[in-house]
Amino acid sequence: MTKKDIVMKIAEETGLKQIDVKLVVQKTLDHITNAVAAGVTVELRNFGIFKVKVRRPRIGRNPKTGVTVAIPERKVVTFKSGMIMKKKVVK
């Protein structure tokens, strides 16, 4: 499912114009992205939690050459689904 599909479904169900729905969906995603980029945890009740996690530096290995490589610390975005989503997926 794409963002366009979401916009079209919401527009059908609510009777709102697609352009207005698209603006609201995009602004919502922008605010979530900006908050997570700033290191803020975003919790959407019953949907899930987006947060930034720091991966520790480690030693990796190039599988082709076998040479060890230092992998630096980095930040990654994680998502943990909420209870309602978990129940619907398990169903």
C-alpha atoms as a PDB file:
ATOM      1  CA  MET A   1       0.000   0.000   0.000  1.00  0.00           C
ATOM      2  CA  THR A   2       1.365   3.386  -0.959  1.00  0.00           C
ATOM      3  CA  LYS A   3       0.711   6.862   0.402  1.00  0.00           C
ATOM      4  CA  LYS A   4      -1.483   7.487  -2.648  1.00  0.00           C
ATOM      5  CA  ASP A   5      -3.607   4.426  -1.786  1.00  0.00           C
ATOM      6  CA  ILE A   6      -4.031   5.686   1.779  1.00  0.00           C
ATOM      7  CA  VAL A   7      -5.062   9.139   0.544  1.00  0.00           C
ATOM      8  CA  MET A   8      -7.591   7.679  -1.891  1.00  0.00           C
ATOM      9  CA  LYS A   9      -9.154   5.393   0.749  1.00  0.00           C
ATOM     10  CA  ILE A  10      -9.472   8.207   3.288  1.00  0.00           C
ATOM     11  CA  ALA A  11     -10.950  10.535   0.651  1.00  0.00           C
ATOM     12  CA  GLU A  12     -13.516   7.880  -0.328  1.00  0.00           C
ATOM     13  CA  GLU A  13     -14.504   7.135   3.264  1.00  0.00           C
ATOM     14  CA  THR A  14     -14.739  10.764   4.402  1.00  0.00           C
ATOM     15  CA  GLY A  15     -15.949  12.529   1.276  1.00  0.00           C
ATOM     16  CA  LEU A  16     -13.058  15.004   1.490  1.00  0.00           C
ATOM     17  CA  LYS A  17     -11.074  16.114  -1.541  1.00  0.00           C
ATOM     18  CA  GLN A  18      -7.975  14.034  -2.276  1.00  0.00           C
ATOM     19  CA  ILE A  19      -5.783  17.149  -2.344  1.00  0.00           C
ATOM     20  CA  ASP A  20      -6.872  18.084   1.205  1.00  0.00           C
ATOM     21  CA  VAL A  21      -6.347  14.536   2.497  1.00  0.00           C
ATOM     22  CA  LYS A  22      -2.942  14.375   0.795  1.00  0.00           C
ATOM     23  CA  LEU A  23      -1.888  17.600   2.526  1.00  0.00           C
ATOM     24  CA  VAL A  24      -2.937  16.312   5.956  1.00  0.00           C
ATOM     25  CA  VAL A  25      -1.259  12.922   5.462  1.00  0.00           C
ATOM     26  CA  GLN A  26       1.957  14.560   4.220  1.00  0.00           C
ATOM     27  CA  LYS A  27       2.046  17.063   7.093  1.00  0.00           C
ATOM     28  CA  THR A  28       1.510  14.216   9.580  1.00  0.00           C
ATOM     29  CA  LEU A  29       4.396  12.247   8.097  1.00  0.00           C
ATOM     30  CA  ASP A  30       6.588  15.377   8.020  1.00  0.00           C
ATOM     31  CA  HIS A  31       6.002  16.036  11.720  1.00  0.00           C
ATOM     32  CA  ILE A  32       6.739  12.413  12.627  1.00  0.00           C
ATOM     33  CA  THR A  33       9.937  12.500  10.529  1.00  0.00           C
ATOM     34  CA  ASN A  34      11.122  15.802  12.025  1.00  0.00           C
ATOM     35  CA  ALA A  35      10.461  14.638  15.578  1.00  0.00           C
ATOM     36  CA  VAL A  36      12.310  11.342  15.104  1.00  0.00           C
ATOM     37  CA  ALA A  37      15.203  13.161  13.371  1.00  0.00           C
ATOM     38  CA  ALA A  38      15.447  15.419  16.433  1.00  0.00           C
ATOM     39  CA  GLY A  39      15.686  12.345  18.674  1.00  0.00           C
ATOM     40  CA  VAL A  40      12.143  12.576  20.035  1.00  0.00           C
ATOM     41  CA  THR A  41      10.171   9.372  20.547  1.00  0.00           C
ATOM     42  CA  VAL A  42       6.839   9.462  18.680  1.00  0.00           C
ATOM     43  CA  GLU A  43       4.112   7.367  20.281  1.00  0.00           C
ATOM     44  CA  LEU A  44       0.856   6.876  18.415  1.00  0.00           C
ATOM     45  CA  ARG A  45      -1.446   5.069  20.838  1.00  0.00           C
ATOM     46  CA  ASN A  46      -2.618   1.656  19.641  1.00  0.00           C
ATOM     47  CA  PHE A  47      -0.520   2.019  16.475  1.00  0.00           C
ATOM     48  CA  GLY A  48       3.098   2.003  17.566  1.00  0.00           C
ATOM     49  CA  ILE A  49       6.226   3.826  18.705  1.00  0.00           C
ATOM     50  CA  PHE A  50       8.948   5.316  16.512  1.00  0.00           C
ATOM     51  CA  LYS A  51      12.262   6.046  18.189  1.00  0.00           C
ATOM     52  CA  VAL A  52      15.950   6.452  17.470  1.00  0.00           C
ATOM     53  CA  LYS A  53      18.314   3.813  18.737  1.00  0.00           C
ATOM     54  CA  VAL A  54      22.113   4.040  18.727  1.00  0.00           C
ATOM     55  CA  ARG A  55      23.952   0.986  17.439  1.00  0.00           C
ATOM     56  CA  ARG A  56      27.294   0.456  19.109  1.00  0.00           C
ATOM     57  CA  PRO A  57      30.456   0.376  17.041  1.00  0.00           C
ATOM     58  CA  ARG A  58      31.617  -3.105  16.120  1.00  0.00           C
ATOM     59  CA  ILE A  59      34.078  -5.058  14.060  1.00  0.00           C
ATOM     60  CA  GLY A  60      32.727  -6.509  10.812  1.00  0.00           C
ATOM     61  CA  ARG A  61      34.238  -8.629   8.090  1.00  0.00           C
ATOM     62  CA  ASN A  62      34.138  -8.208   4.337  1.00  0.00           C
ATOM     63  CA  PRO A  63      32.712 -11.559   3.176  1.00  0.00           C
ATOM     64  CA  LYS A  64      34.460 -11.347  -0.186  1.00  0.00           C
ATOM     65  CA  THR A  65      38.001 -10.631   1.018  1.00  0.00           C
ATOM     66  CA  GLY A  66      37.824 -11.692   4.674  1.00  0.00           C
ATOM     67  CA  VAL A  67      39.351  -8.375   5.792  1.00  0.00           C
ATOM     68  CA  THR A  68      38.065  -7.038   9.121  1.00  0.00           C
ATOM     69  CA  VAL A  69      36.523  -3.582   9.071  1.00  0.00           C
ATOM     70  CA  ALA A  70      35.628  -1.228  11.914  1.00  0.00           C
ATOM     71  CA  ILE A  71      31.944  -0.291  11.718  1.00  0.00           C
ATOM     72  CA  PRO A  72      31.305   3.033  13.479  1.00  0.00           C
ATOM     73  CA  GLU A  73      28.450   3.853  15.850  1.00  0.00           C
ATOM     74  CA  ARG A  74      25.283   4.913  14.047  1.00  0.00           C
ATOM     75  CA  LYS A  75      21.692   5.882  14.705  1.00  0.00           C
ATOM     76  CA  VAL A  76      18.771   3.849  13.368  1.00  0.00           C
ATOM     77  CA  VAL A  77      15.016   4.356  13.518  1.00  0.00           C
ATOM     78  CA  THR A  78      13.054   1.564  15.184  1.00  0.00           C
ATOM     79  CA  PHE A  79       9.325   0.872  15.218  1.00  0.00           C
ATOM     80  CA  LYS A  80       7.480  -1.151  17.820  1.00  0.00           C
ATOM     81  CA  SER A  81       3.887  -1.946  16.951  1.00  0.00           C
ATOM     82  CA  GLY A  82       1.056  -1.185  19.366  1.00  0.00           C
ATOM     83  CA  MET A  83      -1.369  -3.686  20.875  1.00  0.00           C
ATOM     84  CA  ILE A  84      -4.210  -3.208  18.397  1.00  0.00           C
ATOM     85  CA  MET A  85      -1.880  -3.678  15.423  1.00  0.00           C
ATOM     86  CA  LYS A  86      -0.303  -6.748  17.013  1.00  0.00           C
ATOM     87  CA  LYS A  87      -3.731  -8.320  17.604  1.00  0.00           C
ATOM     88  CA  LYS A  88      -4.878  -7.648  14.026  1.00  0.00           C
ATOM     89  CA  VAL A  89      -1.695  -9.099  12.536  1.00  0.00           C
ATOM     90  CA  VAL A  90      -1.791 -12.236  14.700  1.00  0.00           C
ATOM     91  CA  LYS A  91      -5.482 -12.857  13.920  1.00  0.00           C
END
